[in-house]
Protein backbone atom coordinates (compact mmCIF):
# COMPACT_ATOMS: atom_id res chain seq x y z
CA UNK A 1 28.57 127.79 100.79
CA UNK A 2 27.13 127.53 97.25
CA UNK A 3 29.05 125.48 94.75
CA UNK A 4 29.90 121.93 93.96
CA UNK A 5 30.58 119.30 96.62
CA UNK A 6 32.64 116.15 96.17
CA UNK A 7 31.86 113.07 98.29
CA UNK A 8 34.86 110.75 98.67
CA UNK A 9 35.09 107.19 99.96
CA UNK A 10 38.75 106.13 99.87
CA UNK A 11 39.64 102.45 100.27
CA UNK A 12 42.95 100.61 100.30
CA UNK A 13 42.78 99.93 96.56
CA UNK A 14 39.72 101.89 95.46
CA UNK A 15 38.31 105.40 95.36
CA UNK A 16 34.56 105.94 95.10
CA UNK A 17 33.28 109.44 94.37
CA UNK A 18 30.29 111.60 93.50
CA UNK A 19 30.18 115.26 92.55
CA UNK A 20 27.05 117.24 93.44
CA UNK A 21 25.73 120.63 92.49
CA UNK A 22 24.11 121.56 95.80
CA UNK A 23 22.84 125.01 94.86
CA UNK A 24 21.12 126.42 91.79
CA UNK A 25 22.34 129.99 91.31
CA UNK A 26 19.43 130.84 88.97
CA UNK A 27 16.65 129.76 91.34
CA UNK A 28 18.51 130.39 94.59
CA UNK A 29 17.38 126.96 95.78
CA UNK A 30 19.15 123.74 96.76
CA UNK A 31 18.99 121.21 93.93
CA UNK A 32 21.31 118.35 95.03
CA UNK A 33 22.00 117.37 91.42
CA UNK A 34 24.47 114.57 90.76
CA UNK A 35 26.92 115.90 88.17
CA UNK A 36 28.95 112.72 87.98
CA UNK A 37 29.88 109.60 89.90
CA UNK A 38 32.41 106.86 89.57
CA UNK A 39 34.92 104.44 90.96
CA UNK A 40 38.63 103.85 90.61
CA UNK A 41 39.52 100.20 91.24
CA UNK A 42 42.77 98.25 91.53
CA UNK A 43 44.79 101.28 92.69
CA UNK A 44 48.44 100.31 92.92
CA UNK A 45 48.24 98.09 89.83
CA UNK A 46 49.26 98.60 86.22
CA UNK A 47 45.73 97.70 85.11
CA UNK A 48 43.73 99.97 87.41
CA UNK A 49 40.21 100.74 86.17
CA UNK A 50 38.74 104.25 86.11
CA UNK A 51 34.95 104.47 85.73
CA UNK A 52 33.14 107.78 85.35
CA UNK A 53 29.50 108.47 84.56
CA UNK A 54 27.80 111.81 83.96
CA UNK A 55 24.10 111.41 83.18
CA UNK A 56 23.80 108.77 80.46
CA UNK A 57 27.42 109.15 79.32
CA UNK A 58 30.02 106.70 80.63
CA UNK A 59 33.80 106.58 80.35
CA UNK A 60 36.00 103.63 81.26
CA UNK A 61 39.79 103.47 81.17
CA UNK A 62 42.35 100.86 82.11
CA UNK A 63 45.66 102.44 83.06
CA UNK A 64 48.43 102.28 85.68
CA UNK A 65 47.53 104.18 88.87
CA UNK A 66 50.27 103.90 91.45
CA UNK A 67 48.51 105.30 94.51
CA UNK A 68 45.60 107.35 95.88
CA UNK A 69 47.33 110.61 95.00
CA UNK A 70 47.65 109.67 91.34
CA UNK A 71 44.06 108.44 91.32
CA UNK A 72 42.80 111.76 92.68
CA UNK A 73 44.84 113.69 90.12
CA UNK A 74 43.44 111.58 87.28
CA UNK A 75 39.90 112.04 88.59
CA UNK A 76 40.15 115.83 88.83
CA UNK A 77 41.77 116.05 85.38
CA UNK A 78 38.93 113.93 83.95
CA UNK A 79 36.30 116.28 85.38
CA UNK A 80 37.74 119.13 83.34
CA UNK A 81 38.62 117.03 80.28
CA UNK A 82 35.01 115.79 79.99
CA UNK A 83 33.56 119.28 80.60
CA UNK A 84 31.85 118.31 83.84
CA UNK A 85 33.41 121.39 85.42
CA UNK A 86 35.38 124.28 83.90
CA UNK A 87 37.74 124.77 86.83
CA UNK A 88 38.71 123.03 90.05
CA UNK A 89 37.79 126.27 91.82
CA UNK A 90 34.14 125.29 91.32
CA UNK A 91 34.58 122.50 93.90
CA UNK A 92 34.08 124.37 97.16
CA UNK A 93 33.80 121.42 99.54
CA UNK A 94 34.94 117.81 99.90
CA UNK A 95 33.28 115.33 102.25
CA UNK A 96 35.30 112.30 103.32
CA UNK A 97 33.73 109.13 104.60
CA UNK A 98 35.74 108.05 107.65
CA UNK A 99 35.17 104.61 109.11
CA UNK A 100 35.79 105.25 112.79
CA UNK A 101 35.28 108.30 114.95
CA UNK A 102 35.47 106.47 118.27
CA UNK A 103 34.00 108.47 121.15
CA UNK A 104 35.73 111.62 119.90
CA UNK A 105 33.24 112.48 117.14
CA UNK A 106 29.47 112.48 117.57
CA UNK A 107 28.92 114.48 114.38
CA UNK A 108 30.60 115.41 111.13
CA UNK A 109 33.35 118.00 111.57
CA UNK A 110 35.45 120.42 109.59
CA UNK A 111 38.88 118.87 109.17
CA UNK A 112 41.66 120.68 110.95
CA UNK A 113 45.18 119.40 111.63
CA UNK A 114 44.02 118.29 115.10
CA UNK A 115 41.01 116.44 113.66
CA UNK A 116 43.21 114.67 111.11
CA UNK A 117 45.62 113.63 113.88
CA UNK A 118 42.70 112.16 115.85
CA UNK A 119 41.47 110.24 112.80
CA UNK A 120 44.93 108.74 112.42
CA UNK A 121 45.12 107.89 116.13
CA UNK A 122 41.76 106.11 115.87
CA UNK A 123 43.40 103.81 113.33
CA UNK A 124 44.06 101.51 116.28
CA UNK A 125 40.30 100.77 116.23
CA UNK A 126 40.04 100.58 112.43
CA UNK A 127 43.51 99.70 111.11
CA UNK A 128 42.27 98.75 107.64
CA UNK A 129 40.23 101.92 107.10
CA UNK A 130 41.19 105.04 109.07
CA UNK A 131 44.78 105.27 107.78
CA UNK A 132 43.49 105.05 104.20
CA UNK A 133 40.76 107.59 104.93
CA UNK A 134 43.38 109.94 106.37
CA UNK A 135 45.53 109.53 103.26
CA UNK A 136 42.56 110.42 101.06
CA UNK A 137 41.99 113.55 103.13
CA UNK A 138 45.61 114.65 102.69
CA UNK A 139 45.59 113.97 98.96
CA UNK A 140 42.45 115.99 98.26
CA UNK A 141 43.57 118.79 100.59
CA UNK A 142 46.68 119.14 98.46
CA UNK A 143 44.76 118.95 95.17
CA UNK A 144 41.94 121.28 96.30
CA UNK A 145 43.49 123.59 98.92
CA UNK A 146 40.71 126.15 98.49
CA UNK A 147 37.91 123.69 99.35
CA UNK A 148 36.49 123.09 102.82
CA UNK A 149 37.12 119.50 103.94
CA UNK A 150 34.64 117.70 106.20
CA UNK A 151 34.94 114.27 107.84
CA UNK A 152 31.73 112.21 108.00
CA UNK A 153 32.02 109.26 110.38
CA UNK A 154 30.29 105.87 110.04
CA UNK A 155 30.15 105.64 113.82
CA UNK A 156 28.91 109.16 114.68
CA UNK A 157 25.17 108.46 114.46
CA UNK A 158 25.49 105.75 117.10
CA UNK A 159 27.12 107.98 119.71
CA UNK A 160 23.64 108.48 121.19
CA UNK A 161 23.57 104.87 122.48
CA UNK A 162 23.19 104.55 126.24
CA UNK A 163 25.83 102.78 128.30
CA UNK A 164 23.55 99.77 128.68
CA UNK A 165 23.48 99.49 124.87
CA UNK A 166 27.15 100.08 124.13
CA UNK A 167 28.98 98.41 127.03
CA UNK A 168 30.16 94.80 127.01
CA UNK A 169 30.09 92.73 130.20
CA UNK A 170 33.89 92.70 130.45
CA UNK A 171 36.09 94.08 133.23
CA UNK A 172 35.57 97.85 133.23
CA UNK A 173 39.21 98.61 132.49
CA UNK A 174 38.89 97.21 128.96
CA UNK A 175 36.42 99.96 128.17
CA UNK A 176 38.22 102.65 130.13
CA UNK A 177 41.76 101.87 128.95
CA UNK A 178 41.29 100.27 125.52
CA UNK A 179 37.98 101.75 124.39
CA UNK A 180 36.34 98.35 123.91
CA UNK A 181 32.61 99.01 123.46
CA UNK A 182 29.91 98.86 120.82
CA UNK A 183 30.51 101.58 118.22
CA UNK A 184 28.30 100.48 115.35
CA UNK A 185 28.69 101.32 111.66
CA UNK A 186 26.55 102.24 108.62
CA UNK A 187 25.47 105.28 110.65
CA UNK A 188 25.34 107.59 107.62
CA UNK A 189 23.01 105.17 105.83
CA UNK A 190 20.71 104.60 108.80
CA UNK A 191 20.46 108.36 109.38
CA UNK A 192 19.66 109.06 105.73
CA UNK A 193 17.00 106.38 105.18
CA UNK A 194 15.20 107.12 108.44
CA UNK A 195 14.89 110.78 107.42
CA UNK A 196 13.58 109.86 103.97
CA UNK A 197 11.06 107.42 105.44
CA UNK A 198 9.75 109.98 107.94
CA UNK A 199 9.38 112.54 105.15
CA UNK A 200 7.39 110.10 102.99
CA UNK A 201 5.23 109.20 105.98
CA UNK A 202 4.52 112.89 106.55
CA UNK A 203 5.54 112.67 110.18
CA UNK A 204 8.36 114.22 112.23
CA UNK A 205 11.29 111.82 112.55
CA UNK A 206 11.39 112.59 116.27
CA UNK A 207 7.91 111.07 116.70
CA UNK A 208 8.76 107.70 115.14
CA UNK A 209 10.04 104.34 116.34
CA UNK A 210 11.99 102.85 113.45
CA UNK A 211 13.99 99.68 112.82
CA UNK A 212 16.35 100.20 109.89
CA UNK A 213 17.79 97.13 108.12
CA UNK A 214 20.87 97.93 106.02
CA UNK A 215 21.38 94.59 104.27
CA UNK A 216 24.24 93.91 101.88
CA UNK A 217 27.53 92.07 101.90
CA UNK A 218 27.98 93.94 105.17
CA UNK A 219 24.74 94.22 107.12
CA UNK A 220 23.52 95.97 110.24
CA UNK A 221 20.27 96.88 111.94
CA UNK A 222 19.58 100.05 113.89
CA UNK A 223 16.84 100.89 116.39
CA UNK A 224 15.95 104.57 116.00
CA UNK A 225 13.82 106.45 118.52
CA UNK A 226 13.20 110.20 118.57
CA UNK A 227 15.49 110.48 115.54
CA UNK A 228 18.44 109.02 117.47
CA UNK A 229 20.23 105.70 117.34
CA UNK A 230 19.13 103.64 120.34
CA UNK A 231 20.84 100.36 119.46
CA UNK A 232 22.68 98.81 116.53
CA UNK A 233 23.79 95.30 115.68
CA UNK A 234 27.42 95.89 114.68
CA UNK A 235 29.70 96.30 117.66
CA UNK A 236 33.36 97.00 118.39
CA UNK A 237 33.97 95.94 114.79
CA UNK A 238 31.73 95.42 111.73
CA UNK A 239 32.08 91.66 112.35
CA UNK A 240 29.42 91.66 115.07
CA UNK A 241 25.66 91.34 114.71
CA UNK A 242 23.70 89.46 112.09
CA UNK A 243 25.00 86.96 109.54
CA UNK A 244 26.43 88.70 106.45
CA UNK A 245 27.97 87.86 103.08
CA UNK A 246 31.25 86.49 104.45
CA UNK A 247 31.03 87.43 108.16
CA UNK A 248 29.62 85.08 110.76
CA UNK A 249 28.05 87.78 112.90
CA UNK A 250 27.52 86.96 116.57
CA UNK A 251 28.68 83.51 117.64
CA UNK A 252 29.64 81.87 120.93
CA UNK A 253 33.10 83.39 121.51
CA UNK A 254 34.41 80.12 122.95
CA UNK A 255 34.09 78.58 119.48
CA UNK A 256 37.14 80.57 118.39
CA UNK A 257 39.74 79.18 120.82
CA UNK A 258 38.19 75.73 120.31
CA UNK A 259 38.82 75.90 116.54
CA UNK A 260 42.21 77.49 117.13
CA UNK A 261 43.32 74.63 119.39
CA UNK A 262 41.67 71.85 117.39
CA UNK A 263 42.99 72.92 113.99
CA UNK A 264 46.13 74.76 115.07
CA UNK A 265 45.09 78.02 113.47
CA UNK A 266 46.74 81.35 114.22
CA UNK A 267 44.82 84.38 115.47
CA UNK A 268 45.09 85.89 111.98
CA UNK A 269 43.64 82.72 110.43
CA UNK A 270 40.74 82.76 112.91
CA UNK A 271 40.04 86.38 112.03
CA UNK A 272 40.11 85.47 108.35
CA UNK A 273 37.70 82.59 109.02
CA UNK A 274 34.99 84.66 110.72
CA UNK A 275 35.37 87.73 108.50
CA UNK A 276 36.01 86.32 105.03
CA UNK A 277 34.98 82.65 104.96
CA UNK A 278 31.71 82.57 106.91
CA UNK A 279 28.21 84.02 106.53
CA UNK A 280 26.26 83.20 103.36
CA UNK A 281 29.46 81.95 101.72
CA UNK A 282 30.41 79.64 104.56
CA UNK A 283 26.98 78.10 105.09
CA UNK A 284 26.01 77.75 101.43
CA UNK A 285 29.46 76.85 100.12
CA UNK A 286 28.47 78.72 96.96
CA UNK A 287 28.87 82.49 97.18
CA UNK A 288 28.76 85.55 99.40
CA UNK A 289 26.29 87.13 96.95
CA UNK A 290 22.66 86.73 98.02
CA UNK A 291 21.55 86.47 94.37
CA UNK A 292 23.79 83.47 93.70
CA UNK A 293 22.68 81.72 96.88
CA UNK A 294 19.01 82.40 96.09
CA UNK A 295 19.40 80.95 92.60
CA UNK A 296 21.02 77.81 94.02
CA UNK A 297 18.26 77.51 96.62
CA UNK A 298 15.61 77.76 93.88
CA UNK A 299 17.43 74.94 92.07
CA UNK A 300 17.08 72.71 95.12
CA UNK A 301 20.44 73.16 96.87
CA UNK A 302 19.63 72.41 100.52
CA UNK A 303 22.65 74.21 102.00
CA UNK A 304 21.72 77.34 100.06
CA UNK A 305 18.17 77.07 101.40
CA UNK A 306 19.48 76.80 104.96
CA UNK A 307 21.75 79.80 104.43
CA UNK A 308 18.83 82.00 103.34
CA UNK A 309 16.66 80.83 106.22
CA UNK A 310 19.47 81.44 108.69
CA UNK A 311 20.03 84.94 107.29
CA UNK A 312 16.35 85.84 107.71
CA UNK A 313 16.03 84.33 111.19
CA UNK A 314 19.01 86.23 112.57
CA UNK A 315 17.49 89.48 111.30
CA UNK A 316 14.01 88.64 112.65
CA UNK A 317 15.46 88.00 116.10
CA UNK A 318 17.15 91.43 116.19
CA UNK A 319 14.02 93.19 114.89
CA UNK A 320 12.03 91.64 117.74
CA UNK A 321 14.53 92.71 120.37
CA UNK A 322 14.60 96.27 119.01
CA UNK A 323 10.80 96.53 119.06
CA UNK A 324 10.94 95.62 122.75
CA UNK A 325 13.64 98.23 123.39
CA UNK A 326 11.73 100.93 121.48
CA UNK A 327 8.42 100.04 123.13
CA UNK A 328 6.79 99.42 119.75
CA UNK A 329 7.43 100.15 116.08
CA UNK A 330 6.05 102.60 113.53
CA UNK A 331 8.24 101.77 110.53
CA UNK A 332 10.50 98.97 109.30
CA UNK A 333 13.02 100.03 106.65
CA UNK A 334 14.88 97.87 104.14
CA UNK A 335 17.95 99.36 102.46
CA UNK A 336 21.34 98.30 101.06
CA UNK A 337 21.92 96.00 98.10
CA UNK A 338 19.91 93.09 99.53
CA UNK A 339 17.34 95.19 101.36
CA UNK A 340 16.52 97.24 98.26
CA UNK A 341 16.50 94.41 95.71
CA UNK A 342 15.94 90.96 97.27
CA UNK A 343 12.19 90.44 97.37
CA UNK A 344 12.61 86.97 98.82
CA UNK A 345 14.69 88.28 101.71
CA UNK A 346 12.08 90.88 102.64
CA UNK A 347 9.31 88.27 102.45
CA UNK A 348 11.22 85.82 104.67
CA UNK A 349 12.09 88.49 107.24
CA UNK A 350 8.49 89.76 107.52
CA UNK A 351 6.97 86.28 107.63
CA UNK A 352 4.54 85.67 110.54
CA UNK A 353 5.16 89.08 112.13
CA UNK A 354 1.54 90.27 111.86
CA UNK A 355 1.24 89.97 115.65
CA UNK A 356 3.77 92.83 115.81
CA UNK A 357 1.85 94.86 113.24
CA UNK A 358 4.27 93.98 110.42
CA UNK A 359 2.17 92.74 107.48
CA UNK A 360 3.82 92.56 104.07
CA UNK A 361 1.76 93.01 100.89
CA UNK A 362 3.38 90.53 98.52
CA UNK A 363 2.19 92.28 95.35
CA UNK A 364 3.72 95.58 96.48
CA UNK A 365 6.85 93.72 97.55
CA UNK A 366 7.24 92.15 94.11
CA UNK A 367 6.84 95.57 92.47
CA UNK A 368 9.48 97.11 94.77
CA UNK A 369 7.14 99.93 95.77
CA UNK A 370 8.30 102.42 98.40
CA UNK A 371 5.74 101.25 100.98
CA UNK A 372 5.06 97.52 100.86
CA UNK A 373 2.80 96.93 103.88
CA UNK A 374 -0.84 95.86 103.60
CA UNK A 375 -3.39 98.65 103.74
CA UNK A 376 -4.54 97.34 107.13
CA UNK A 377 -1.00 96.98 108.47
CA UNK A 378 -0.32 99.45 111.31
CA UNK A 379 3.45 99.39 110.71
CA UNK A 380 4.85 101.07 107.61
CA UNK A 381 7.30 98.82 105.72
CA UNK A 382 9.50 100.87 103.42
CA UNK A 383 12.14 100.19 100.77
CA UNK A 384 14.47 103.18 100.83
CA UNK A 385 17.41 103.45 98.45
CA UNK A 386 20.30 104.58 100.59
CA UNK A 387 22.44 107.49 99.44
CA UNK A 388 25.40 107.89 101.75
CA UNK A 389 27.17 110.16 99.28
CA UNK A 390 24.29 112.66 99.29
CA UNK A 391 24.26 112.56 103.09
CA UNK A 392 27.99 113.33 103.05
CA UNK A 393 27.45 116.26 100.68
CA UNK A 394 24.65 117.61 102.85
CA UNK A 395 26.89 117.40 105.90
CA UNK A 396 29.59 119.35 104.07
CA UNK A 397 27.08 122.10 103.39
CA UNK A 398 25.79 122.08 106.96
CA UNK A 399 29.17 121.98 108.69
CA UNK A 400 31.11 124.24 106.34
CA UNK A 401 28.42 126.92 106.44
CA UNK A 402 28.55 127.19 110.23
CA UNK A 403 32.30 126.99 110.78
CA UNK A 404 35.16 129.14 109.52
CA UNK A 405 37.16 127.74 106.60
CA UNK A 406 40.50 126.39 107.79
CA UNK A 407 43.77 126.78 105.91
CA UNK A 408 44.87 123.77 103.89
CA UNK A 409 46.68 121.10 105.83
CA UNK A 410 50.39 120.76 105.36
CA UNK A 411 51.04 117.60 103.38
CA UNK A 412 53.65 115.43 105.02
């Protein structure tokens, strides 16, 4: 399916996008060239912001954008207006990031009416994301009825977890009737960076034991063996796992009813507390942004220092447990906004792990080189810039080439 592929990440008030040329007609080879990328913010407001970049050229507009549909229309019009494409017919595929695929989707799929209905039904597991993702699918199906549409699920990569990794020790009926289990997220990122790392190592991905650390405002770790997700730190929701920007990560669950009873908080207020007021922000009292907390720590703020230490220790504990589960480790990957850029975080996480074969070269770490382990270190430590949008575009090519194109969905 040669042509141009659009990767879409629709949020409740934002629309992130990239347009790729996946095939060079002159050479007959895949080129995966980014033609443009951008973000529409504050959708639903009179002062929405439209950002578009093609190469070194940038455009920025502030204008009223009432909803996702109007945002998509403005985006597609801008592609032609700025001569990025000559016709919408050039866009032959659209890949949609979908938050939750439940147990129904273990891979990316061509979107049919039945698939879209399942995505909407899975909104019970991701009420803030799946309904918006489904709306984005409908909007772009209407705007680009000729293009193949593919759903790429954050959870799909983790469908290879064993029952002992995904089950919670609750009465069985909660899994069987309500689907309560570990699903995991950031799957597209973990899959992408592990493949890049294996390629740079010159080894088959299936031969490697990898721990991937996607660290940002939302953070998760993934144990990868034989190219498959073996375990991951996020759980039934993205709240679980390690400490994050505003999320507490794993805590004693009895803390929640204790706070609820002591302070008279509602369930919604408790959810707000652990999702939006905790993590780096809650401990430091300064910011959810690692850079702000690090600056405060360097200026002597003791709570900021504790927050950074706590962040690193939670990650180190999970890395250790995953090495045990994998039976060893060949590569440790850092990715995401913090993983790719925070030298201090990488240094703190790798501290005193030489007994596991993890030995950081501080000079390489400071230079942000791809591999940052010591020459004598048996474990490769890699900084891999994640590219979920490219992974989405690749999945569109893979899925749409092997399945028949479906007729456009009827827009309700």
